[in-house]
Amino acid sequence: MAKDSFEKDLENLEDIVARLESEEVSLEDSMKLYEEGVKLARLCSEKLDKAEKKVEILSKDKNGAIKVEPFTPNES
């Protein structure tokens, strides 16, 4: 599988889901699509996990030194 962007992988996964939901796909093709979809879902999940780990906030402590803190989104 080529190194595609997250957005392209997600779009491909959405296309697979749409095809699987249609009644025009044979069982054999459905199994192939399902396998490809599982791979894409795992790949997207891995990419999200990596991105989440990279998201950090740089801030200064009271001494002016820069410290790294994990990103925690505010829930509104």
C-alpha atoms as a PDB file:
ATOM      1  CA  MET A   1       0.000   0.000   0.000  1.00  0.00           C
ATOM      2  CA  ALA A   2       1.504   3.346  -1.006  1.00  0.00           C
ATOM      3  CA  LYS A   3       2.144   6.104   1.507  1.00  0.00           C
ATOM      4  CA  ASP A   4      -0.978   8.196   1.044  1.00  0.00           C
ATOM      5  CA  SER A   5      -2.148  11.073   3.146  1.00  0.00           C
ATOM      6  CA  PHE A   6      -4.563  10.443   5.970  1.00  0.00           C
ATOM      7  CA  GLU A   7      -7.275  12.271   4.072  1.00  0.00           C
ATOM      8  CA  LYS A   8      -6.810  10.125   0.958  1.00  0.00           C
ATOM      9  CA  ASP A   9      -6.810   6.913   3.021  1.00  0.00           C
ATOM     10  CA  LEU A  10      -9.976   7.994   4.820  1.00  0.00           C
ATOM     11  CA  GLU A  11     -11.641   8.878   1.513  1.00  0.00           C
ATOM     12  CA  ASN A  12     -10.732   5.444   0.147  1.00  0.00           C
ATOM     13  CA  LEU A  13     -12.154   3.811   3.266  1.00  0.00           C
ATOM     14  CA  GLU A  14     -15.398   5.771   2.882  1.00  0.00           C
ATOM     15  CA  ASP A  15     -15.632   4.658  -0.753  1.00  0.00           C
ATOM     16  CA  ILE A  16     -15.189   1.025   0.293  1.00  0.00           C
ATOM     17  CA  VAL A  17     -17.923   1.340   2.913  1.00  0.00           C
ATOM     18  CA  ALA A  18     -20.283   2.859   0.346  1.00  0.00           C
ATOM     19  CA  ARG A  19     -19.577   0.018  -2.097  1.00  0.00           C
ATOM     20  CA  LEU A  20     -20.096  -2.605   0.606  1.00  0.00           C
ATOM     21  CA  GLU A  21     -23.418  -1.022   1.547  1.00  0.00           C
ATOM     22  CA  SER A  22     -24.644  -1.270  -2.015  1.00  0.00           C
ATOM     23  CA  GLU A  23     -26.308  -4.504  -3.050  1.00  0.00           C
ATOM     24  CA  GLU A  24     -24.395  -4.630  -6.338  1.00  0.00           C
ATOM     25  CA  VAL A  25     -21.187  -6.235  -5.005  1.00  0.00           C
ATOM     26  CA  SER A  26     -20.575  -9.967  -5.224  1.00  0.00           C
ATOM     27  CA  LEU A  27     -19.581 -11.940  -2.141  1.00  0.00           C
ATOM     28  CA  GLU A  28     -16.041 -12.408  -3.456  1.00  0.00           C
ATOM     29  CA  ASP A  29     -15.668  -8.693  -4.172  1.00  0.00           C
ATOM     30  CA  SER A  30     -17.196  -7.882  -0.780  1.00  0.00           C
ATOM     31  CA  MET A  31     -14.572  -9.987   0.966  1.00  0.00           C
ATOM     32  CA  LYS A  32     -11.760  -8.250  -0.942  1.00  0.00           C
ATOM     33  CA  LEU A  33     -13.217  -4.835  -0.174  1.00  0.00           C
ATOM     34  CA  TYR A  34     -13.672  -5.745   3.481  1.00  0.00           C
ATOM     35  CA  GLU A  35     -10.030  -6.859   3.751  1.00  0.00           C
ATOM     36  CA  GLU A  36      -8.829  -3.651   2.114  1.00  0.00           C
ATOM     37  CA  GLY A  37     -11.125  -1.624   4.377  1.00  0.00           C
ATOM     38  CA  VAL A  38      -9.749  -3.248   7.517  1.00  0.00           C
ATOM     39  CA  LYS A  39      -6.195  -2.450   6.386  1.00  0.00           C
ATOM     40  CA  LEU A  40      -7.126   1.166   5.679  1.00  0.00           C
ATOM     41  CA  ALA A  41      -8.961   1.507   9.006  1.00  0.00           C
ATOM     42  CA  ARG A  42      -5.892   0.254  10.860  1.00  0.00           C
ATOM     43  CA  LEU A  43      -3.615   2.530   8.856  1.00  0.00           C
ATOM     44  CA  CYS A  44      -5.808   5.554   9.577  1.00  0.00           C
ATOM     45  CA  SER A  45      -5.893   4.654  13.261  1.00  0.00           C
ATOM     46  CA  GLU A  46      -2.098   4.382  13.350  1.00  0.00           C
ATOM     47  CA  LYS A  47      -1.739   7.747  11.617  1.00  0.00           C
ATOM     48  CA  LEU A  48      -4.116   9.355  14.122  1.00  0.00           C
ATOM     49  CA  ASP A  49      -2.226   7.823  17.039  1.00  0.00           C
ATOM     50  CA  LYS A  50       1.085   9.154  15.682  1.00  0.00           C
ATOM     51  CA  ALA A  51      -0.379  12.613  15.113  1.00  0.00           C
ATOM     52  CA  GLU A  52      -1.852  12.680  18.616  1.00  0.00           C
ATOM     53  CA  LYS A  53       1.547  11.862  20.106  1.00  0.00           C
ATOM     54  CA  LYS A  54       3.160  14.687  18.134  1.00  0.00           C
ATOM     55  CA  VAL A  55       0.680  17.332  19.214  1.00  0.00           C
ATOM     56  CA  GLU A  56       2.306  19.227  22.049  1.00  0.00           C
ATOM     57  CA  ILE A  57       2.115  22.677  23.531  1.00  0.00           C
ATOM     58  CA  LEU A  58       5.323  24.591  24.110  1.00  0.00           C
ATOM     59  CA  SER A  59       5.115  26.867  27.102  1.00  0.00           C
ATOM     60  CA  LYS A  60       7.486  28.659  29.447  1.00  0.00           C
ATOM     61  CA  ASP A  61       7.752  27.795  33.101  1.00  0.00           C
ATOM     62  CA  LYS A  62       8.182  30.442  35.812  1.00  0.00           C
ATOM     63  CA  ASN A  63      11.949  30.563  35.144  1.00  0.00           C
ATOM     64  CA  GLY A  64      11.459  31.274  31.453  1.00  0.00           C
ATOM     65  CA  ALA A  65      12.584  27.837  30.352  1.00  0.00           C
ATOM     66  CA  ILE A  66      10.567  26.222  27.611  1.00  0.00           C
ATOM     67  CA  LYS A  67       8.820  23.033  28.660  1.00  0.00           C
ATOM     68  CA  VAL A  68       6.798  20.605  26.617  1.00  0.00           C
ATOM     69  CA  GLU A  69       3.332  19.608  27.764  1.00  0.00           C
ATOM     70  CA  PRO A  70       1.007  17.076  26.158  1.00  0.00           C
ATOM     71  CA  PHE A  71      -1.972  18.539  24.356  1.00  0.00           C
ATOM     72  CA  THR A  72      -5.251  18.200  26.206  1.00  0.00           C
ATOM     73  CA  PRO A  73      -8.227  19.692  24.369  1.00  0.00           C
ATOM     74  CA  ASN A  74     -10.646  21.878  26.276  1.00  0.00           C
ATOM     75  CA  GLU A  75     -14.114  20.421  26.355  1.00  0.00           C
ATOM     76  CA  SER A  76     -16.745  23.098  25.830  1.00  0.00           C
END
